[in-house]
Amino acid sequence: MKNAVIYARFSSHSQNEQSIEGQLAECYAFAQRSDLRIVHEYIDRALTGTTDKRPDFLQMIEDSKRKGFQYVIVYSLTALPVTAMTVQRTKRS
């Protein structure tokens, strides 16, 4: 069984804490179907999707350097900040 983490986020203007619970439920269900063990949840609340300066996202990138997980599960790719800088940093990790 491979290790995975979940990254969930909601923006301040269009979602709420219930959105996080729904994202987590879907991600856990996916992990179970895919025979993945969830070893950590990273959650950024009320933060915009236009930046990668989010505490839990940055912690997840740092933690990935220790190679304790092989996969990141997200409910939607819109949870991830897709900027040139993020892609560059992630590639180096």
N, C-alpha and C. Protein backbone atom coordinates (compact mmCIF):
# COMPACT_ATOMS: atom_id res chain seq x y z
N MET A 1 0.85 -1.18 0.00
CA MET A 1 0.00 0.00 0.00
C MET A 1 0.89 1.24 0.00
N LYS A 2 0.61 2.18 -0.88
CA LYS A 2 1.38 3.42 -0.99
C LYS A 2 0.77 4.48 -0.06
N ASN A 3 1.63 5.40 0.37
CA ASN A 3 1.19 6.50 1.23
C ASN A 3 0.76 7.71 0.40
N ALA A 4 -0.26 8.38 0.89
CA ALA A 4 -0.76 9.58 0.22
C ALA A 4 -1.14 10.61 1.27
N VAL A 5 -1.21 11.86 0.83
CA VAL A 5 -1.72 12.94 1.67
C VAL A 5 -2.87 13.59 0.92
N ILE A 6 -3.68 14.31 1.67
CA ILE A 6 -4.79 15.06 1.07
C ILE A 6 -4.49 16.54 1.24
N TYR A 7 -4.70 17.29 0.17
CA TYR A 7 -4.63 18.75 0.26
C TYR A 7 -6.01 19.30 -0.05
N ALA A 8 -6.56 20.07 0.89
CA ALA A 8 -7.88 20.68 0.70
C ALA A 8 -7.78 22.17 0.98
N ARG A 9 -8.59 22.94 0.28
CA ARG A 9 -8.59 24.39 0.45
C ARG A 9 -9.97 24.94 0.13
N PHE A 10 -10.33 26.01 0.82
CA PHE A 10 -11.50 26.76 0.38
C PHE A 10 -11.17 28.24 0.40
N SER A 11 -11.78 28.94 -0.54
CA SER A 11 -11.56 30.38 -0.63
C SER A 11 -12.54 31.09 0.29
N SER A 12 -12.19 32.26 0.69
CA SER A 12 -13.00 32.99 1.68
C SER A 12 -14.34 33.45 1.12
N HIS A 13 -14.43 33.66 -0.18
CA HIS A 13 -15.65 34.27 -0.70
C HIS A 13 -16.72 33.30 -1.18
N SER A 14 -16.35 32.06 -1.49
CA SER A 14 -17.36 31.21 -2.10
C SER A 14 -17.58 29.86 -1.42
N GLN A 15 -16.81 29.57 -0.38
CA GLN A 15 -16.97 28.27 0.26
C GLN A 15 -16.89 28.44 1.77
N ASN A 16 -17.07 27.32 2.49
CA ASN A 16 -17.01 27.37 3.95
C ASN A 16 -16.45 26.07 4.49
N GLU A 17 -16.45 25.92 5.79
CA GLU A 17 -15.89 24.73 6.43
C GLU A 17 -16.54 23.44 5.93
N GLN A 18 -17.82 23.50 5.60
CA GLN A 18 -18.51 22.32 5.07
C GLN A 18 -17.88 21.88 3.76
N SER A 19 -17.39 22.84 2.99
CA SER A 19 -16.72 22.50 1.74
C SER A 19 -15.51 21.62 2.00
N ILE A 20 -14.77 21.90 3.07
CA ILE A 20 -13.60 21.10 3.43
C ILE A 20 -14.03 19.68 3.77
N GLU A 21 -15.08 19.55 4.58
CA GLU A 21 -15.55 18.21 4.96
C GLU A 21 -15.94 17.39 3.73
N GLY A 22 -16.60 18.02 2.78
CA GLY A 22 -16.98 17.33 1.55
C GLY A 22 -15.77 16.91 0.73
N GLN A 23 -14.79 17.80 0.64
CA GLN A 23 -13.56 17.47 -0.09
C GLN A 23 -12.85 16.29 0.56
N LEU A 24 -12.73 16.33 1.89
CA LEU A 24 -12.05 15.25 2.60
C LEU A 24 -12.77 13.92 2.40
N ALA A 25 -14.09 13.93 2.49
CA ALA A 25 -14.85 12.69 2.32
C ALA A 25 -14.60 12.08 0.93
N GLU A 26 -14.63 12.92 -0.10
CA GLU A 26 -14.39 12.42 -1.46
C GLU A 26 -12.96 11.91 -1.62
N CYS A 27 -12.00 12.62 -1.03
CA CYS A 27 -10.60 12.20 -1.14
C CYS A 27 -10.34 10.89 -0.40
N TYR A 28 -10.94 10.73 0.78
CA TYR A 28 -10.79 9.47 1.52
C TYR A 28 -11.41 8.31 0.75
N ALA A 29 -12.56 8.56 0.13
CA ALA A 29 -13.21 7.51 -0.66
C ALA A 29 -12.33 7.11 -1.84
N PHE A 30 -11.74 8.10 -2.50
CA PHE A 30 -10.84 7.81 -3.61
C PHE A 30 -9.64 6.99 -3.13
N ALA A 31 -9.07 7.39 -1.99
CA ALA A 31 -7.91 6.68 -1.44
C ALA A 31 -8.26 5.22 -1.15
N GLN A 32 -9.43 4.99 -0.59
CA GLN A 32 -9.85 3.63 -0.27
C GLN A 32 -10.00 2.80 -1.55
N ARG A 33 -10.63 3.38 -2.55
CA ARG A 33 -10.81 2.66 -3.83
C ARG A 33 -9.46 2.38 -4.51
N SER A 34 -8.49 3.23 -4.24
CA SER A 34 -7.19 3.13 -4.91
C SER A 34 -6.13 2.44 -4.06
N ASP A 35 -6.55 1.91 -2.91
CA ASP A 35 -5.63 1.21 -2.01
C ASP A 35 -4.47 2.10 -1.57
N LEU A 36 -4.80 3.33 -1.19
CA LEU A 36 -3.81 4.29 -0.71
C LEU A 36 -4.04 4.57 0.77
N ARG A 37 -2.98 4.67 1.53
CA ARG A 37 -3.05 4.98 2.96
C ARG A 37 -2.85 6.49 3.12
N ILE A 38 -3.81 7.16 3.74
CA ILE A 38 -3.68 8.60 4.01
C ILE A 38 -2.84 8.78 5.27
N VAL A 39 -1.73 9.49 5.13
CA VAL A 39 -0.83 9.69 6.26
C VAL A 39 -0.92 11.11 6.84
N HIS A 40 -1.56 12.02 6.10
CA HIS A 40 -1.70 13.39 6.63
C HIS A 40 -2.71 14.16 5.80
N GLU A 41 -3.34 15.14 6.44
CA GLU A 41 -4.22 16.08 5.74
C GLU A 41 -3.60 17.46 5.84
N TYR A 42 -3.55 18.17 4.74
CA TYR A 42 -3.11 19.56 4.71
C TYR A 42 -4.31 20.38 4.29
N ILE A 43 -4.67 21.37 5.11
CA ILE A 43 -5.88 22.14 4.86
C ILE A 43 -5.59 23.63 5.02
N ASP A 44 -5.88 24.39 3.98
CA ASP A 44 -5.78 25.85 4.05
C ASP A 44 -7.18 26.41 3.95
N ARG A 45 -7.56 27.17 4.97
CA ARG A 45 -8.91 27.70 5.06
C ARG A 45 -8.92 29.19 4.72
N ALA A 46 -9.92 29.57 3.93
CA ALA A 46 -10.17 30.98 3.58
C ALA A 46 -8.96 31.65 2.97
N LEU A 47 -8.32 30.94 2.03
CA LEU A 47 -7.16 31.50 1.32
C LEU A 47 -7.39 31.44 -0.18
N THR A 48 -6.97 32.47 -0.86
CA THR A 48 -7.18 32.57 -2.30
C THR A 48 -6.41 31.51 -3.07
N GLY A 49 -6.91 31.18 -4.23
CA GLY A 49 -6.25 30.21 -5.08
C GLY A 49 -5.20 30.83 -5.99
N THR A 50 -5.01 32.13 -5.90
CA THR A 50 -4.08 32.80 -6.81
C THR A 50 -2.65 32.87 -6.28
N THR A 51 -2.40 32.30 -5.14
CA THR A 51 -1.06 32.34 -4.58
C THR A 51 -0.66 30.97 -4.01
N ASP A 52 0.63 30.75 -3.96
CA ASP A 52 1.09 29.52 -3.31
C ASP A 52 1.58 29.80 -1.90
N LYS A 53 1.39 31.01 -1.42
CA LYS A 53 1.80 31.37 -0.07
C LYS A 53 0.70 30.99 0.93
N ARG A 54 0.52 29.69 1.06
CA ARG A 54 -0.47 29.13 1.98
C ARG A 54 0.27 28.22 2.94
N PRO A 55 0.03 28.38 4.24
CA PRO A 55 0.82 27.63 5.23
C PRO A 55 0.83 26.12 5.03
N ASP A 56 -0.31 25.50 4.89
CA ASP A 56 -0.32 24.03 4.77
C ASP A 56 0.20 23.55 3.42
N PHE A 57 -0.04 24.32 2.37
CA PHE A 57 0.51 23.95 1.06
C PHE A 57 2.04 23.96 1.12
N LEU A 58 2.60 25.02 1.68
CA LEU A 58 4.05 25.12 1.80
C LEU A 58 4.61 24.02 2.70
N GLN A 59 3.88 23.69 3.77
CA GLN A 59 4.32 22.60 4.65
C GLN A 59 4.31 21.27 3.90
N MET A 60 3.30 21.07 3.07
CA MET A 60 3.22 19.84 2.30
C MET A 60 4.42 19.72 1.35
N ILE A 61 4.80 20.80 0.71
CA ILE A 61 5.95 20.79 -0.18
C ILE A 61 7.21 20.44 0.62
N GLU A 62 7.37 21.05 1.78
CA GLU A 62 8.53 20.74 2.63
C GLU A 62 8.52 19.27 3.06
N ASP A 63 7.36 18.80 3.50
CA ASP A 63 7.25 17.41 3.96
C ASP A 63 7.52 16.41 2.83
N SER A 64 7.22 16.79 1.61
CA SER A 64 7.44 15.88 0.48
C SER A 64 8.93 15.58 0.29
N LYS A 65 9.78 16.46 0.75
CA LYS A 65 11.22 16.25 0.61
C LYS A 65 11.70 15.07 1.45
N ARG A 66 10.94 14.73 2.49
CA ARG A 66 11.28 13.57 3.33
C ARG A 66 10.77 12.26 2.74
N LYS A 67 10.03 12.36 1.65
CA LYS A 67 9.55 11.20 0.90
C LYS A 67 8.70 10.25 1.74
N GLY A 68 7.87 10.80 2.64
CA GLY A 68 6.99 9.98 3.45
C GLY A 68 5.69 9.64 2.75
N PHE A 69 5.47 10.21 1.57
CA PHE A 69 4.28 9.91 0.79
C PHE A 69 4.61 9.99 -0.69
N GLN A 70 3.84 9.23 -1.46
CA GLN A 70 4.07 9.16 -2.90
C GLN A 70 3.03 9.93 -3.71
N TYR A 71 1.87 10.20 -3.09
CA TYR A 71 0.78 10.83 -3.82
C TYR A 71 0.16 11.97 -3.02
N VAL A 72 -0.34 12.96 -3.76
CA VAL A 72 -1.14 14.04 -3.18
C VAL A 72 -2.52 13.92 -3.83
N ILE A 73 -3.54 13.80 -2.99
CA ILE A 73 -4.91 13.71 -3.48
C ILE A 73 -5.61 15.04 -3.24
N VAL A 74 -6.23 15.57 -4.28
CA VAL A 74 -7.03 16.79 -4.16
C VAL A 74 -8.40 16.52 -4.76
N TYR A 75 -9.41 17.17 -4.22
CA TYR A 75 -10.76 17.02 -4.75
C TYR A 75 -10.84 17.64 -6.15
N SER A 76 -10.17 18.76 -6.31
CA SER A 76 -10.17 19.47 -7.58
C SER A 76 -8.81 20.11 -7.79
N LEU A 77 -8.35 20.13 -9.01
CA LEU A 77 -7.06 20.76 -9.28
C LEU A 77 -7.08 22.25 -8.98
N THR A 78 -8.27 22.84 -8.87
CA THR A 78 -8.34 24.26 -8.53
C THR A 78 -7.87 24.53 -7.11
N ALA A 79 -7.73 23.48 -6.30
CA ALA A 79 -7.20 23.66 -4.94
C ALA A 79 -5.71 23.98 -4.97
N LEU A 80 -5.04 23.56 -6.04
CA LEU A 80 -3.60 23.77 -6.14
C LEU A 80 -3.29 25.09 -6.83
N PRO A 81 -2.28 25.80 -6.34
CA PRO A 81 -1.86 27.02 -7.04
C PRO A 81 -0.99 26.62 -8.22
N VAL A 82 -1.40 26.98 -9.41
CA VAL A 82 -0.62 26.61 -10.58
C VAL A 82 0.03 27.87 -11.13
N THR A 83 1.20 28.13 -10.63
CA THR A 83 1.99 29.25 -11.11
C THR A 83 3.32 28.71 -11.58
N ALA A 84 4.00 29.45 -12.40
CA ALA A 84 5.30 29.00 -12.90
C ALA A 84 6.25 28.73 -11.75
N MET A 85 6.21 29.55 -10.72
CA MET A 85 7.10 29.38 -9.58
C MET A 85 6.78 28.09 -8.83
N THR A 86 5.52 27.79 -8.65
CA THR A 86 5.12 26.56 -7.95
C THR A 86 5.59 25.34 -8.71
N VAL A 87 5.36 25.32 -10.01
CA VAL A 87 5.77 24.19 -10.83
C VAL A 87 7.28 24.01 -10.75
N GLN A 88 8.02 25.10 -10.83
CA GLN A 88 9.47 25.02 -10.76
C GLN A 88 9.94 24.46 -9.43
N ARG A 89 9.38 24.97 -8.33
CA ARG A 89 9.77 24.50 -6.99
C ARG A 89 9.41 23.04 -6.82
N THR A 90 8.23 22.65 -7.27
CA THR A 90 7.77 21.27 -7.08
C THR A 90 8.63 20.30 -7.89
N LYS A 91 9.03 20.70 -9.06
CA LYS A 91 9.89 19.85 -9.90
C LYS A 91 11.22 19.57 -9.21
N ARG A 92 11.74 20.55 -8.50
CA ARG A 92 13.03 20.39 -7.84
C ARG A 92 12.96 19.50 -6.63
N SER A 93 11.79 19.34 -6.04
CA SER A 93 11.65 18.57 -4.78
C SER A 93 11.85 17.10 -4.97
